[in-house]
Amino acid sequence: MIRHVVALRLASDDVALCAQQALEIKERLEALLDVDPGIVALDVHFDLGLVEGHWPLILVSDFASLDALEAYQSHPRHRDVLAWMNSGVVSQRAVVDFDVDVDVD
């Protein structure tokens, strides 16, 4: 299984706007769960806000294979979400993809 982790930093300095945009990012990304049957899980989480400088939100998603990750990333609905985020909503993104061992009993 492939885990795809994306940390996002928002562009705005306005706290209320960032909170609204973070919720919208969560809704838009989690709505992509059905774009490919190879998506095992897709969740967006918010930082607790306890330490200044932490990135405010993170996407953690699991894919059955690299092909499923690639299908997700190239899907038109995913591309639309990326275009919206890149329109001034998100200022930085850090991404890590790695293999996850899955125990099957």
N, C-alpha and C. Protein backbone atom coordinates (compact mmCIF):
# COMPACT_ATOMS: atom_id res chain seq x y z
N MET A 1 0.86 -1.16 0.00
CA MET A 1 0.00 0.00 0.00
C MET A 1 0.91 1.23 0.00
N ILE A 2 0.45 2.29 -0.64
CA ILE A 2 1.19 3.55 -0.72
C ILE A 2 0.48 4.59 0.14
N ARG A 3 1.23 5.22 1.02
CA ARG A 3 0.67 6.34 1.81
C ARG A 3 1.17 7.64 1.18
N HIS A 4 0.23 8.55 0.94
CA HIS A 4 0.48 9.84 0.32
C HIS A 4 0.13 10.90 1.37
N VAL A 5 1.16 11.65 1.82
CA VAL A 5 0.97 12.65 2.87
C VAL A 5 1.32 14.01 2.29
N VAL A 6 0.41 14.98 2.47
CA VAL A 6 0.62 16.33 1.96
C VAL A 6 0.33 17.33 3.08
N ALA A 7 1.34 18.10 3.46
CA ALA A 7 1.17 19.18 4.43
C ALA A 7 0.94 20.47 3.64
N LEU A 8 -0.02 21.26 4.10
CA LEU A 8 -0.39 22.48 3.38
C LEU A 8 -0.26 23.70 4.29
N ARG A 9 0.30 24.75 3.73
CA ARG A 9 0.39 26.04 4.40
C ARG A 9 -0.49 27.01 3.60
N LEU A 10 -1.34 27.73 4.28
CA LEU A 10 -2.28 28.63 3.60
C LEU A 10 -1.64 29.98 3.33
N ALA A 11 -2.12 30.64 2.28
CA ALA A 11 -1.51 31.89 1.82
C ALA A 11 -1.95 33.10 2.63
N SER A 12 -3.15 33.12 3.11
CA SER A 12 -3.70 34.30 3.78
C SER A 12 -3.15 34.47 5.19
N ASP A 13 -3.07 35.72 5.63
CA ASP A 13 -2.72 36.04 7.01
C ASP A 13 -3.96 36.25 7.86
N ASP A 14 -5.13 36.26 7.23
CA ASP A 14 -6.39 36.48 7.93
C ASP A 14 -6.83 35.16 8.59
N VAL A 15 -6.91 35.15 9.91
CA VAL A 15 -7.20 33.94 10.67
C VAL A 15 -8.57 33.36 10.30
N ALA A 16 -9.57 34.21 10.19
CA ALA A 16 -10.93 33.74 9.86
C ALA A 16 -10.97 33.16 8.45
N LEU A 17 -10.31 33.83 7.50
CA LEU A 17 -10.28 33.33 6.13
C LEU A 17 -9.55 31.99 6.06
N CYS A 18 -8.44 31.88 6.78
CA CYS A 18 -7.70 30.61 6.80
C CYS A 18 -8.55 29.49 7.36
N ALA A 19 -9.29 29.75 8.40
CA ALA A 19 -10.16 28.72 8.99
C ALA A 19 -11.21 28.27 7.98
N GLN A 20 -11.80 29.23 7.28
CA GLN A 20 -12.81 28.91 6.26
C GLN A 20 -12.19 28.11 5.12
N GLN A 21 -11.02 28.54 4.65
CA GLN A 21 -10.37 27.86 3.54
C GLN A 21 -9.89 26.46 3.95
N ALA A 22 -9.43 26.30 5.17
CA ALA A 22 -9.00 24.98 5.65
C ALA A 22 -10.18 24.01 5.64
N LEU A 23 -11.34 24.48 6.09
CA LEU A 23 -12.54 23.62 6.05
C LEU A 23 -12.92 23.27 4.62
N GLU A 24 -12.80 24.25 3.73
CA GLU A 24 -13.14 23.98 2.33
C GLU A 24 -12.15 23.01 1.69
N ILE A 25 -10.88 23.15 2.02
CA ILE A 25 -9.89 22.19 1.52
C ILE A 25 -10.25 20.78 1.99
N LYS A 26 -10.57 20.64 3.27
CA LYS A 26 -10.95 19.35 3.82
C LYS A 26 -12.14 18.77 3.06
N GLU A 27 -13.17 19.57 2.85
CA GLU A 27 -14.37 19.10 2.15
C GLU A 27 -14.05 18.70 0.72
N ARG A 28 -13.30 19.54 0.02
CA ARG A 28 -12.99 19.27 -1.39
C ARG A 28 -12.12 18.02 -1.55
N LEU A 29 -11.10 17.89 -0.70
CA LEU A 29 -10.22 16.72 -0.82
C LEU A 29 -10.92 15.44 -0.40
N GLU A 30 -11.64 15.46 0.71
CA GLU A 30 -12.32 14.24 1.16
C GLU A 30 -13.42 13.81 0.22
N ALA A 31 -13.94 14.73 -0.58
CA ALA A 31 -14.95 14.38 -1.59
C ALA A 31 -14.34 13.59 -2.75
N LEU A 32 -13.01 13.50 -2.80
CA LEU A 32 -12.33 12.76 -3.88
C LEU A 32 -12.16 11.28 -3.57
N LEU A 33 -12.63 10.85 -2.42
CA LEU A 33 -12.47 9.46 -2.01
C LEU A 33 -13.00 8.47 -3.05
N ASP A 34 -14.00 8.87 -3.80
CA ASP A 34 -14.62 7.94 -4.75
C ASP A 34 -14.08 8.03 -6.18
N VAL A 35 -13.02 8.79 -6.43
CA VAL A 35 -12.56 8.94 -7.82
C VAL A 35 -11.85 7.71 -8.37
N ASP A 36 -11.39 6.82 -7.49
CA ASP A 36 -10.73 5.60 -7.96
C ASP A 36 -10.94 4.50 -6.92
N PRO A 37 -11.26 3.29 -7.35
CA PRO A 37 -11.47 2.21 -6.39
C PRO A 37 -10.20 1.82 -5.61
N GLY A 38 -9.04 2.27 -6.08
CA GLY A 38 -7.79 1.97 -5.41
C GLY A 38 -7.48 2.89 -4.23
N ILE A 39 -8.36 3.86 -3.98
CA ILE A 39 -8.17 4.73 -2.82
C ILE A 39 -8.70 3.98 -1.60
N VAL A 40 -7.83 3.71 -0.67
CA VAL A 40 -8.19 2.96 0.54
C VAL A 40 -8.72 3.90 1.61
N ALA A 41 -8.07 5.05 1.77
CA ALA A 41 -8.47 6.04 2.78
C ALA A 41 -7.99 7.41 2.33
N LEU A 42 -8.73 8.44 2.74
CA LEU A 42 -8.36 9.81 2.39
C LEU A 42 -8.96 10.72 3.46
N ASP A 43 -8.08 11.30 4.28
CA ASP A 43 -8.53 12.14 5.40
C ASP A 43 -7.68 13.39 5.49
N VAL A 44 -8.32 14.50 5.85
CA VAL A 44 -7.61 15.75 6.11
C VAL A 44 -7.73 16.04 7.60
N HIS A 45 -6.59 16.42 8.21
CA HIS A 45 -6.55 16.70 9.64
C HIS A 45 -5.99 18.10 9.86
N PHE A 46 -6.46 18.75 10.93
CA PHE A 46 -6.00 20.08 11.29
C PHE A 46 -5.00 20.00 12.44
N ASP A 47 -3.98 20.85 12.38
CA ASP A 47 -3.04 20.95 13.48
C ASP A 47 -3.76 21.47 14.73
N LEU A 48 -3.30 21.06 15.89
CA LEU A 48 -3.93 21.47 17.15
C LEU A 48 -3.70 22.94 17.47
N GLY A 49 -2.75 23.57 16.80
CA GLY A 49 -2.50 24.99 17.04
C GLY A 49 -1.73 25.27 18.32
N LEU A 50 -1.05 24.28 18.85
CA LEU A 50 -0.34 24.44 20.11
C LEU A 50 1.06 25.03 19.95
N VAL A 51 1.63 24.88 18.75
CA VAL A 51 2.99 25.35 18.51
C VAL A 51 2.98 26.27 17.29
N GLU A 52 3.44 27.49 17.50
CA GLU A 52 3.51 28.44 16.39
C GLU A 52 4.47 27.92 15.33
N GLY A 53 4.08 28.07 14.08
CA GLY A 53 4.92 27.64 12.98
C GLY A 53 4.56 26.28 12.41
N HIS A 54 3.74 25.50 13.13
CA HIS A 54 3.29 24.24 12.56
C HIS A 54 2.42 24.51 11.33
N TRP A 55 2.47 23.60 10.40
CA TRP A 55 1.62 23.72 9.23
C TRP A 55 0.19 23.43 9.65
N PRO A 56 -0.79 24.14 9.12
CA PRO A 56 -2.15 24.06 9.66
C PRO A 56 -2.96 22.82 9.29
N LEU A 57 -2.65 22.18 8.16
CA LEU A 57 -3.42 20.99 7.82
C LEU A 57 -2.62 20.01 7.00
N ILE A 58 -3.10 18.77 7.05
CA ILE A 58 -2.38 17.68 6.38
C ILE A 58 -3.40 16.70 5.78
N LEU A 59 -3.08 16.25 4.59
CA LEU A 59 -3.84 15.18 3.93
C LEU A 59 -3.07 13.89 4.14
N VAL A 60 -3.75 12.87 4.62
CA VAL A 60 -3.15 11.54 4.75
C VAL A 60 -4.06 10.60 3.96
N SER A 61 -3.49 9.99 2.92
CA SER A 61 -4.30 9.10 2.09
C SER A 61 -3.52 7.84 1.77
N ASP A 62 -4.27 6.74 1.65
CA ASP A 62 -3.69 5.44 1.34
C ASP A 62 -4.24 4.91 0.03
N PHE A 63 -3.36 4.32 -0.75
CA PHE A 63 -3.71 3.80 -2.07
C PHE A 63 -3.26 2.35 -2.19
N ALA A 64 -4.05 1.57 -2.86
CA ALA A 64 -3.75 0.14 -3.02
C ALA A 64 -2.45 -0.09 -3.81
N SER A 65 -2.10 0.88 -4.67
CA SER A 65 -0.93 0.72 -5.52
C SER A 65 -0.46 2.07 -6.04
N LEU A 66 0.71 2.08 -6.65
CA LEU A 66 1.19 3.30 -7.31
C LEU A 66 0.26 3.70 -8.45
N ASP A 67 -0.28 2.71 -9.16
CA ASP A 67 -1.23 3.01 -10.24
C ASP A 67 -2.46 3.74 -9.72
N ALA A 68 -2.95 3.34 -8.55
CA ALA A 68 -4.12 4.00 -7.96
C ALA A 68 -3.78 5.43 -7.56
N LEU A 69 -2.58 5.65 -7.01
CA LEU A 69 -2.15 7.01 -6.67
C LEU A 69 -2.06 7.87 -7.93
N GLU A 70 -1.49 7.32 -8.98
CA GLU A 70 -1.37 8.07 -10.24
C GLU A 70 -2.73 8.36 -10.84
N ALA A 71 -3.66 7.42 -10.75
CA ALA A 71 -5.02 7.64 -11.26
C ALA A 71 -5.70 8.77 -10.50
N TYR A 72 -5.53 8.78 -9.18
CA TYR A 72 -6.08 9.85 -8.34
C TYR A 72 -5.48 11.19 -8.73
N GLN A 73 -4.16 11.24 -8.85
CA GLN A 73 -3.49 12.52 -9.13
C GLN A 73 -3.83 13.08 -10.50
N SER A 74 -4.13 12.22 -11.45
CA SER A 74 -4.44 12.70 -12.80
C SER A 74 -5.94 12.86 -13.05
N HIS A 75 -6.76 12.48 -12.08
CA HIS A 75 -8.21 12.57 -12.25
C HIS A 75 -8.64 14.04 -12.38
N PRO A 76 -9.56 14.34 -13.30
CA PRO A 76 -10.01 15.73 -13.50
C PRO A 76 -10.55 16.40 -12.23
N ARG A 77 -11.24 15.67 -11.38
CA ARG A 77 -11.75 16.28 -10.15
C ARG A 77 -10.61 16.66 -9.21
N HIS A 78 -9.57 15.83 -9.14
CA HIS A 78 -8.39 16.17 -8.34
C HIS A 78 -7.70 17.39 -8.93
N ARG A 79 -7.56 17.41 -10.24
CA ARG A 79 -6.93 18.54 -10.93
C ARG A 79 -7.69 19.84 -10.64
N ASP A 80 -9.02 19.77 -10.59
CA ASP A 80 -9.83 20.96 -10.27
C ASP A 80 -9.55 21.47 -8.87
N VAL A 81 -9.44 20.55 -7.91
CA VAL A 81 -9.14 20.95 -6.52
C VAL A 81 -7.76 21.59 -6.46
N LEU A 82 -6.79 20.98 -7.13
CA LEU A 82 -5.43 21.55 -7.16
C LEU A 82 -5.42 22.95 -7.76
N ALA A 83 -6.15 23.13 -8.86
CA ALA A 83 -6.20 24.44 -9.50
C ALA A 83 -6.76 25.49 -8.54
N TRP A 84 -7.82 25.12 -7.81
CA TRP A 84 -8.40 26.05 -6.83
C TRP A 84 -7.40 26.36 -5.73
N MET A 85 -6.74 25.33 -5.18
CA MET A 85 -5.77 25.56 -4.11
C MET A 85 -4.60 26.42 -4.59
N ASN A 86 -4.19 26.22 -5.85
CA ASN A 86 -3.07 26.97 -6.41
C ASN A 86 -3.45 28.39 -6.85
N SER A 87 -4.73 28.73 -6.73
CA SER A 87 -5.19 30.06 -7.16
C SER A 87 -4.99 31.11 -6.07
N GLY A 88 -4.16 30.82 -5.09
CA GLY A 88 -3.88 31.77 -4.02
C GLY A 88 -4.34 31.31 -2.66
N VAL A 89 -4.91 30.11 -2.57
CA VAL A 89 -5.37 29.57 -1.29
C VAL A 89 -4.20 28.96 -0.52
N VAL A 90 -3.39 28.17 -1.18
CA VAL A 90 -2.25 27.47 -0.56
C VAL A 90 -0.96 28.14 -1.01
N SER A 91 -0.08 28.42 -0.03
CA SER A 91 1.20 29.05 -0.37
C SER A 91 2.33 28.04 -0.50
N GLN A 92 2.26 26.94 0.29
CA GLN A 92 3.29 25.92 0.25
C GLN A 92 2.69 24.55 0.45
N ARG A 93 3.39 23.57 -0.11
CA ARG A 93 2.96 22.18 0.01
C ARG A 93 4.21 21.33 0.17
N ALA A 94 4.14 20.37 1.10
CA ALA A 94 5.21 19.39 1.28
C ALA A 94 4.59 18.01 1.13
N VAL A 95 5.20 17.17 0.31
CA VAL A 95 4.59 15.88 -0.02
C VAL A 95 5.60 14.75 0.25
N VAL A 96 5.07 13.66 0.83
CA VAL A 96 5.86 12.44 1.02
C VAL A 96 4.98 11.26 0.63
N ASP A 97 5.51 10.39 -0.22
CA ASP A 97 4.85 9.14 -0.59
C ASP A 97 5.75 8.00 -0.14
N PHE A 98 5.16 6.98 0.51
CA PHE A 98 5.98 5.87 0.98
C PHE A 98 5.16 4.60 1.06
N ASP A 99 5.90 3.47 1.04
CA ASP A 99 5.26 2.16 1.17
C ASP A 99 4.85 1.93 2.62
N VAL A 100 3.69 1.32 2.79
CA VAL A 100 3.20 0.94 4.11
C VAL A 100 2.99 -0.56 4.09
N ASP A 101 3.62 -1.24 5.02
CA ASP A 101 3.39 -2.69 5.14
C ASP A 101 2.02 -2.92 5.77
N VAL A 102 1.28 -3.78 5.17
CA VAL A 102 -0.05 -4.10 5.66
C VAL A 102 -0.06 -5.54 6.14
N ASP A 103 -0.40 -5.74 7.39
CA ASP A 103 -0.52 -7.09 7.92
C ASP A 103 -1.86 -7.66 7.54
N VAL A 104 -1.85 -8.81 6.90
CA VAL A 104 -3.08 -9.48 6.54
C VAL A 104 -3.16 -10.76 7.33
N ASP A 105 -4.17 -10.86 8.17
CA ASP A 105 -4.34 -12.07 9.00
C ASP A 105 -5.27 -13.04 8.34
